[in-house]
């Protein structure tokens, strides 16, 4: 990102030229023909002594803010001012299921430097986030939001120049939440099938035994006659 400035006419005597960030500290300073770069910006900025422009490289979210070009002879003179907004980082929507029989899960929306959480509850197809939509402003002045939209939970991270989002459909979340209940029902069904099979096998064996006894008795009676 290149920040240009209208270079002033050559000045006689001493002067100081600075690019300041948030009007609190200098990024680059030119004094008596010598350029200084503040430590946190070393290897990430390039200052041109030819036209006094400043090139920002490898921008991070913390670099969002106001950059001001200031010339000082006897007093400060602002030559240029830029509002720089860095694109937001990706976000991730994570889910932690509860042991409730209903769809009751905790969803967390996380960016690189912030996160918000809410509880999703569904009852007979009616779903809601506890307290409604959640949002907060991050340290880099971006917006982090979590809300319901078209049957999905949406995690959104945005600022004036970019936005990122992650979303998950509600139905799979409810299946995840009720996983323990589903597993219990599955075990009960298997046990019921096994028990029914054993009872059937017992009666089948009993009937076969009765048939064998009757056949044996008929055979004995024929021999006696």
C-alpha atoms as a PDB file:
ATOM      1  CA  UNK A   1       0.000   0.000   0.000  1.00  0.00           C
ATOM      2  CA  UNK A   2       1.559   3.290  -1.128  1.00  0.00           C
ATOM      3  CA  UNK A   3       0.836   6.523   0.751  1.00  0.00           C
ATOM      4  CA  UNK A   4       1.720   9.514  -1.417  1.00  0.00           C
ATOM      5  CA  UNK A   5       2.359  13.064  -0.311  1.00  0.00           C
ATOM      6  CA  UNK A   6       2.936  16.358  -2.115  1.00  0.00           C
ATOM      7  CA  UNK A   7       6.592  16.981  -1.360  1.00  0.00           C
ATOM      8  CA  UNK A   8       7.224  20.540  -0.177  1.00  0.00           C
ATOM      9  CA  UNK A   9       9.747  22.836  -1.837  1.00  0.00           C
ATOM     10  CA  UNK A  10      13.360  22.414  -0.676  1.00  0.00           C
ATOM     11  CA  UNK A  11      13.827  24.031   2.684  1.00  0.00           C
ATOM     12  CA  UNK A  12      16.869  25.832   4.021  1.00  0.00           C
ATOM     13  CA  UNK A  13      17.822  24.980   7.546  1.00  0.00           C
ATOM     14  CA  UNK A  14      16.630  22.196   9.783  1.00  0.00           C
ATOM     15  CA  UNK A  15      13.274  20.455   9.454  1.00  0.00           C
ATOM     16  CA  UNK A  16      11.641  17.178  10.442  1.00  0.00           C
ATOM     17  CA  UNK A  17       9.345  15.123   8.257  1.00  0.00           C
ATOM     18  CA  UNK A  18       7.322  12.276   9.793  1.00  0.00           C
ATOM     19  CA  UNK A  19       4.720   9.702   8.909  1.00  0.00           C
ATOM     20  CA  UNK A  20       2.742   9.231  12.119  1.00  0.00           C
ATOM     21  CA  UNK A  21       0.315   6.461  13.029  1.00  0.00           C
ATOM     22  CA  UNK A  22      -2.822   7.398  14.991  1.00  0.00           C
ATOM     23  CA  UNK A  23      -1.038  10.670  15.797  1.00  0.00           C
ATOM     24  CA  UNK A  24       0.792   8.875  18.608  1.00  0.00           C
ATOM     25  CA  UNK A  25       4.141   7.638  17.249  1.00  0.00           C
ATOM     26  CA  UNK A  26       6.150   7.957  14.077  1.00  0.00           C
ATOM     27  CA  UNK A  27       6.435   5.150  11.536  1.00  0.00           C
ATOM     28  CA  UNK A  28       9.179   6.885   9.550  1.00  0.00           C
ATOM     29  CA  UNK A  29      11.088  10.076  10.369  1.00  0.00           C
ATOM     30  CA  UNK A  30      13.448  12.137   8.218  1.00  0.00           C
ATOM     31  CA  UNK A  31      15.839  14.399  10.107  1.00  0.00           C
ATOM     32  CA  UNK A  32      18.939  16.058   8.620  1.00  0.00           C
ATOM     33  CA  UNK A  33      18.892  13.644   5.704  1.00  0.00           C
ATOM     34  CA  UNK A  34      18.761  10.581   7.969  1.00  0.00           C
ATOM     35  CA  UNK A  35      15.744   8.228   7.936  1.00  0.00           C
ATOM     36  CA  UNK A  36      14.587   6.323  10.994  1.00  0.00           C
ATOM     37  CA  UNK A  37      11.977   3.577  10.984  1.00  0.00           C
ATOM     38  CA  UNK A  38      10.265   2.624  14.245  1.00  0.00           C
ATOM     39  CA  UNK A  39      11.075  -0.924  15.390  1.00  0.00           C
ATOM     40  CA  UNK A  40       7.599  -2.407  14.930  1.00  0.00           C
ATOM     41  CA  UNK A  41       7.609  -1.336  11.258  1.00  0.00           C
ATOM     42  CA  UNK A  42      11.147  -2.318  10.294  1.00  0.00           C
ATOM     43  CA  UNK A  43      11.249  -4.546   7.193  1.00  0.00           C
ATOM     44  CA  UNK A  44       7.547  -3.726   6.619  1.00  0.00           C
ATOM     45  CA  UNK A  45       7.767  -0.161   5.304  1.00  0.00           C
ATOM     46  CA  UNK A  46       9.762   1.667   2.672  1.00  0.00           C
ATOM     47  CA  UNK A  47      10.293   5.420   2.884  1.00  0.00           C
ATOM     48  CA  UNK A  48      11.286   7.366  -0.227  1.00  0.00           C
ATOM     49  CA  UNK A  49      13.607  10.338   0.349  1.00  0.00           C
ATOM     50  CA  UNK A  50      12.903  11.350  -3.231  1.00  0.00           C
ATOM     51  CA  UNK A  51       9.167  12.040  -2.858  1.00  0.00           C
ATOM     52  CA  UNK A  52       8.550  11.318   0.874  1.00  0.00           C
ATOM     53  CA  UNK A  53       6.017   8.588   0.090  1.00  0.00           C
ATOM     54  CA  UNK A  54       5.544   5.653   2.449  1.00  0.00           C
ATOM     55  CA  UNK A  55       4.991   2.075   1.262  1.00  0.00           C
ATOM     56  CA  UNK A  56       3.385  -0.331   3.744  1.00  0.00           C
ATOM     57  CA  UNK A  57       4.032  -4.061   3.300  1.00  0.00           C
ATOM     58  CA  UNK A  58       2.641  -7.227   4.892  1.00  0.00           C
ATOM     59  CA  UNK A  59      -0.254  -5.346   6.439  1.00  0.00           C
ATOM     60  CA  UNK A  60      -1.729  -6.724   9.645  1.00  0.00           C
ATOM     61  CA  UNK A  61      -5.046  -5.927  11.302  1.00  0.00           C
ATOM     62  CA  UNK A  62      -3.246  -3.820  13.902  1.00  0.00           C
ATOM     63  CA  UNK A  63      -2.029  -1.569  11.076  1.00  0.00           C
ATOM     64  CA  UNK A  64      -5.553  -0.235  10.522  1.00  0.00           C
ATOM     65  CA  UNK A  65      -5.766   3.419  11.485  1.00  0.00           C
ATOM     66  CA  UNK A  66      -4.864   6.980  10.470  1.00  0.00           C
ATOM     67  CA  UNK A  67      -1.480   7.748   8.887  1.00  0.00           C
ATOM     68  CA  UNK A  68      -0.465  11.407   8.783  1.00  0.00           C
ATOM     69  CA  UNK A  69       2.408  13.088   6.941  1.00  0.00           C
ATOM     70  CA  UNK A  70       3.728  15.998   9.022  1.00  0.00           C
ATOM     71  CA  UNK A  71       6.378  18.563   8.166  1.00  0.00           C
ATOM     72  CA  UNK A  72       7.867  20.491  11.083  1.00  0.00           C
ATOM     73  CA  UNK A  73      10.009  23.597  10.691  1.00  0.00           C
ATOM     74  CA  UNK A  74       8.865  25.971  13.389  1.00  0.00           C
ATOM     75  CA  UNK A  75       5.475  24.306  13.767  1.00  0.00           C
ATOM     76  CA  UNK A  76       3.687  21.176  12.542  1.00  0.00           C
ATOM     77  CA  UNK A  77       2.162  21.255   9.064  1.00  0.00           C
ATOM     78  CA  UNK A  78      -0.053  18.363   7.923  1.00  0.00           C
ATOM     79  CA  UNK A  79       0.693  17.475   4.304  1.00  0.00           C
ATOM     80  CA  UNK A  80      -1.436  14.334   3.929  1.00  0.00           C
ATOM     81  CA  UNK A  81      -3.697  12.082   5.947  1.00  0.00           C
ATOM     82  CA  UNK A  82      -4.910   8.553   5.145  1.00  0.00           C
ATOM     83  CA  UNK A  83      -7.405   6.258   6.828  1.00  0.00           C
ATOM     84  CA  UNK A  84      -6.078   2.731   6.283  1.00  0.00           C
ATOM     85  CA  UNK A  85      -8.370  -0.237   6.832  1.00  0.00           C
ATOM     86  CA  UNK A  86      -6.888  -3.732   6.578  1.00  0.00           C
ATOM     87  CA  UNK A  87      -9.048  -6.629   5.392  1.00  0.00           C
ATOM     88  CA  UNK A  88     -10.506  -8.749   8.166  1.00  0.00           C
ATOM     89  CA  UNK A  89      -9.167 -12.197   9.030  1.00  0.00           C
ATOM     90  CA  UNK A  90     -11.136 -15.424   8.368  1.00  0.00           C
ATOM     91  CA  UNK A  91     -13.602 -16.607  11.013  1.00  0.00           C
ATOM     92  CA  UNK A  92     -14.551 -20.023  12.355  1.00  0.00           C
ATOM     93  CA  UNK A  93     -17.879 -21.184  13.756  1.00  0.00           C
ATOM     94  CA  UNK A  94     -17.466 -23.986  16.298  1.00  0.00           C
ATOM     95  CA  UNK A  95     -20.128 -26.041  18.079  1.00  0.00           C
ATOM     96  CA  UNK A  96     -20.149 -27.636  21.532  1.00  0.00           C
ATOM     97  CA  UNK A  97     -23.089 -29.956  22.103  1.00  0.00           C
ATOM     98  CA  UNK A  98     -24.943 -30.283  25.406  1.00  0.00           C
ATOM     99  CA  UNK A  99     -26.550 -33.335  26.995  1.00  0.00           C
ATOM    100  CA  UNK A 100     -30.050 -31.959  26.629  1.00  0.00           C
ATOM    101  CA  UNK A 101     -32.670 -34.086  24.904  1.00  0.00           C
ATOM    102  CA  UNK A 102     -33.622 -31.045  22.835  1.00  0.00           C
ATOM    103  CA  UNK A 103     -31.435 -29.174  20.344  1.00  0.00           C
ATOM    104  CA  UNK A 104     -29.408 -27.092  22.787  1.00  0.00           C
ATOM    105  CA  UNK A 105     -25.859 -26.260  21.655  1.00  0.00           C
ATOM    106  CA  UNK A 106     -23.264 -23.559  22.284  1.00  0.00           C
ATOM    107  CA  UNK A 107     -21.966 -21.907  19.118  1.00  0.00           C
ATOM    108  CA  UNK A 108     -18.801 -19.773  19.104  1.00  0.00           C
ATOM    109  CA  UNK A 109     -17.787 -17.278  16.420  1.00  0.00           C
ATOM    110  CA  UNK A 110     -14.005 -16.686  16.454  1.00  0.00           C
ATOM    111  CA  UNK A 111     -11.698 -14.348  14.547  1.00  0.00           C
ATOM    112  CA  UNK A 112      -7.952 -13.968  14.910  1.00  0.00           C
ATOM    113  CA  UNK A 113      -8.187 -11.711  17.949  1.00  0.00           C
ATOM    114  CA  UNK A 114     -11.736 -12.023  19.304  1.00  0.00           C
ATOM    115  CA  UNK A 115     -14.676 -14.379  19.836  1.00  0.00           C
ATOM    116  CA  UNK A 116     -18.333 -14.369  20.878  1.00  0.00           C
ATOM    117  CA  UNK A 117     -20.589 -17.240  21.953  1.00  0.00           C
ATOM    118  CA  UNK A 118     -24.311 -17.905  22.142  1.00  0.00           C
ATOM    119  CA  UNK A 119     -26.682 -20.780  22.902  1.00  0.00           C
ATOM    120  CA  UNK A 120     -28.829 -22.162  20.096  1.00  0.00           C
ATOM    121  CA  UNK A 121     -32.097 -23.764  21.209  1.00  0.00           C
ATOM    122  CA  UNK A 122     -34.656 -25.505  18.997  1.00  0.00           C
ATOM    123  CA  UNK A 123     -38.036 -26.789  20.158  1.00  0.00           C
ATOM    124  CA  UNK A 124     -40.338 -28.457  17.616  1.00  0.00           C
ATOM    125  CA  UNK A 125     -38.691 -26.664  14.712  1.00  0.00           C
ATOM    126  CA  UNK A 126     -38.683 -23.237  16.391  1.00  0.00           C
ATOM    127  CA  UNK A 127     -35.031 -22.179  16.755  1.00  0.00           C
ATOM    128  CA  UNK A 128     -33.529 -19.130  18.441  1.00  0.00           C
ATOM    129  CA  UNK A 129     -30.265 -17.752  19.785  1.00  0.00           C
ATOM    130  CA  UNK A 130     -30.279 -16.874  23.459  1.00  0.00           C
ATOM    131  CA  UNK A 131     -30.574 -13.095  23.691  1.00  0.00           C
ATOM    132  CA  UNK A 132     -30.976 -12.758  19.919  1.00  0.00           C
ATOM    133  CA  UNK A 133     -28.195 -11.668  17.575  1.00  0.00           C
ATOM    134  CA  UNK A 134     -24.794 -11.212  19.241  1.00  0.00           C
ATOM    135  CA  UNK A 135     -22.220  -8.683  18.057  1.00  0.00           C
ATOM    136  CA  UNK A 136     -19.158  -6.813  19.255  1.00  0.00           C
ATOM    137  CA  UNK A 137     -16.492  -4.451  17.927  1.00  0.00           C
ATOM    138  CA  UNK A 138     -13.025  -6.022  17.879  1.00  0.00           C
ATOM    139  CA  UNK A 139      -9.732  -4.394  18.850  1.00  0.00           C
ATOM    140  CA  UNK A 140      -9.109  -3.622  15.163  1.00  0.00           C
ATOM    141  CA  UNK A 141     -12.474  -1.796  14.874  1.00  0.00           C
ATOM    142  CA  UNK A 142     -14.088  -4.618  12.886  1.00  0.00           C
ATOM    143  CA  UNK A 143     -17.529  -6.071  13.605  1.00  0.00           C
ATOM    144  CA  UNK A 144     -17.972  -9.671  14.780  1.00  0.00           C
ATOM    145  CA  UNK A 145     -21.561 -10.988  14.632  1.00  0.00           C
ATOM    146  CA  UNK A 146     -23.395 -14.271  15.173  1.00  0.00           C
ATOM    147  CA  UNK A 147     -27.011 -14.658  14.009  1.00  0.00           C
ATOM    148  CA  UNK A 148     -29.618 -16.963  12.437  1.00  0.00           C
ATOM    149  CA  UNK A 149     -30.366 -16.736   8.719  1.00  0.00           C
ATOM    150  CA  UNK A 150     -32.302 -19.094   6.425  1.00  0.00           C
ATOM    151  CA  UNK A 151     -32.017 -22.144   8.653  1.00  0.00           C
ATOM    152  CA  UNK A 152     -28.327 -21.627   9.407  1.00  0.00           C
ATOM    153  CA  UNK A 153     -26.187 -20.135  12.157  1.00  0.00           C
ATOM    154  CA  UNK A 154     -23.941 -17.478  10.598  1.00  0.00           C
ATOM    155  CA  UNK A 155     -20.663 -16.065  11.936  1.00  0.00           C
ATOM    156  CA  UNK A 156     -19.703 -12.788  10.222  1.00  0.00           C
ATOM    157  CA  UNK A 157     -16.529 -10.683  10.481  1.00  0.00           C
ATOM    158  CA  UNK A 158     -16.525  -7.384   8.588  1.00  0.00           C
ATOM    159  CA  UNK A 159     -15.163  -3.856   8.312  1.00  0.00           C
ATOM    160  CA  UNK A 160     -15.442  -1.046   5.744  1.00  0.00           C
ATOM    161  CA  UNK A 161     -13.449  -2.883   3.067  1.00  0.00           C
ATOM    162  CA  UNK A 162     -14.040  -6.616   3.500  1.00  0.00           C
ATOM    163  CA  UNK A 163     -16.068  -9.341   5.153  1.00  0.00           C
ATOM    164  CA  UNK A 164     -15.686 -13.045   5.936  1.00  0.00           C
ATOM    165  CA  UNK A 165     -18.234 -15.539   7.223  1.00  0.00           C
ATOM    166  CA  UNK A 166     -18.707 -19.143   8.270  1.00  0.00           C
ATOM    167  CA  UNK A 167     -22.084 -20.847   8.590  1.00  0.00           C
ATOM    168  CA  UNK A 168     -23.552 -24.159   9.653  1.00  0.00           C
ATOM    169  CA  UNK A 169     -27.011 -25.568   8.987  1.00  0.00           C
ATOM    170  CA  UNK A 170     -29.178 -26.000  12.079  1.00  0.00           C
ATOM    171  CA  UNK A 171     -30.446 -29.555  11.408  1.00  0.00           C
ATOM    172  CA  UNK A 172     -26.995 -31.216  11.607  1.00  0.00           C
ATOM    173  CA  UNK A 173     -26.298 -29.235  14.783  1.00  0.00           C
ATOM    174  CA  UNK A 174     -29.434 -30.690  16.373  1.00  0.00           C
ATOM    175  CA  UNK A 175     -28.376 -34.203  15.369  1.00  0.00           C
ATOM    176  CA  UNK A 176     -25.022 -33.532  16.996  1.00  0.00           C
ATOM    177  CA  UNK A 177     -26.715 -32.281  20.151  1.00  0.00           C
ATOM    178  CA  UNK A 178     -28.991 -35.308  20.372  1.00  0.00           C
ATOM    179  CA  UNK A 179     -26.220 -37.758  19.553  1.00  0.00           C
ATOM    180  CA  UNK A 180     -26.209 -39.270  23.034  1.00  0.00           C
ATOM    181  CA  UNK A 181     -29.967 -39.766  22.953  1.00  0.00           C
ATOM    182  CA  UNK A 182     -29.767 -41.335  19.520  1.00  0.00           C
ATOM    183  CA  UNK A 183     -27.049 -43.691  20.694  1.00  0.00           C
ATOM    184  CA  UNK A 184     -29.137 -44.748  23.693  1.00  0.00           C
ATOM    185  CA  UNK A 185     -32.139 -45.437  21.483  1.00  0.00           C
ATOM    186  CA  UNK A 186     -29.974 -47.468  19.131  1.00  0.00           C
ATOM    187  CA  UNK A 187     -28.696 -49.651  21.983  1.00  0.00           C
ATOM    188  CA  UNK A 188     -32.251 -50.153  23.267  1.00  0.00           C
ATOM    189  CA  UNK A 189     -33.409 -51.219  19.805  1.00  0.00           C
ATOM    190  CA  UNK A 190     -30.563 -53.704  19.473  1.00  0.00           C
ATOM    191  CA  UNK A 191     -31.287 -55.170  22.905  1.00  0.00           C
ATOM    192  CA  UNK A 192     -34.964 -55.526  22.001  1.00  0.00           C
ATOM    193  CA  UNK A 193     -34.122 -57.354  18.777  1.00  0.00           C
ATOM    194  CA  UNK A 194     -31.725 -59.714  20.563  1.00  0.00           C
ATOM    195  CA  UNK A 195     -34.272 -60.478  23.295  1.00  0.00           C
ATOM    196  CA  UNK A 196     -37.011 -61.162  20.735  1.00  0.00           C
ATOM    197  CA  UNK A 197     -34.693 -63.484  18.842  1.00  0.00           C
ATOM    198  CA  UNK A 198     -33.839 -65.417  22.002  1.00  0.00           C
ATOM    199  CA  UNK A 199     -37.517 -65.820  22.914  1.00  0.00           C
ATOM    200  CA  UNK A 200     -38.303 -67.046  19.393  1.00  0.00           C
ATOM    201  CA  UNK A 201     -35.409 -69.495  19.538  1.00  0.00           C
ATOM    202  CA  UNK A 202     -36.595 -70.819  22.910  1.00  0.00           C
ATOM    203  CA  UNK A 203     -40.126 -71.485  21.641  1.00  0.00           C
ATOM    204  CA  UNK A 204     -38.810 -73.065  18.455  1.00  0.00           C
ATOM    205  CA  UNK A 205     -36.618 -75.405  20.491  1.00  0.00           C
ATOM    206  CA  UNK A 206     -39.549 -76.210  22.802  1.00  0.00           C
ATOM    207  CA  UNK A 207     -41.843 -77.061  19.881  1.00  0.00           C
ATOM    208  CA  UNK A 208     -39.187 -79.231  18.239  1.00  0.00           C
ATOM    209  CA  UNK A 209     -38.640 -81.080  21.513  1.00  0.00           C
ATOM    210  CA  UNK A 210     -42.376 -81.735  21.901  1.00  0.00           C
ATOM    211  CA  UNK A 211     -42.559 -83.081  18.357  1.00  0.00           C
ATOM    212  CA  UNK A 212     -39.635 -85.423  19.004  1.00  0.00           C
ATOM    213  CA  UNK A 213     -41.260 -86.729  22.220  1.00  0.00           C
ATOM    214  CA  UNK A 214     -44.551 -87.411  20.433  1.00  0.00           C
ATOM    215  CA  UNK A 215     -42.773 -89.194  17.572  1.00  0.00           C
ATOM    216  CA  UNK A 216     -40.910 -91.339  20.061  1.00  0.00           C
ATOM    217  CA  UNK A 217     -44.144 -92.268  21.879  1.00  0.00           C
ATOM    218  CA  UNK A 218     -45.877 -93.238  18.630  1.00  0.00           C
ATOM    219  CA  UNK A 219     -42.917 -95.403  17.671  1.00  0.00           C
ATOM    220  CA  UNK A 220     -43.068 -97.246  21.021  1.00  0.00           C
ATOM    221  CA  UNK A 221     -46.787 -97.844  20.715  1.00  0.00           C
ATOM    222  CA  UNK A 222     -46.362 -99.406  17.268  1.00  0.00           C
ATOM    223  CA  UNK A 223     -43.683-101.741  18.569  1.00  0.00           C
ATOM    224  CA  UNK A 224     -45.916-102.927  21.454  1.00  0.00           C
ATOM    225  CA  UNK A 225     -48.820-103.566  19.133  1.00  0.00           C
END
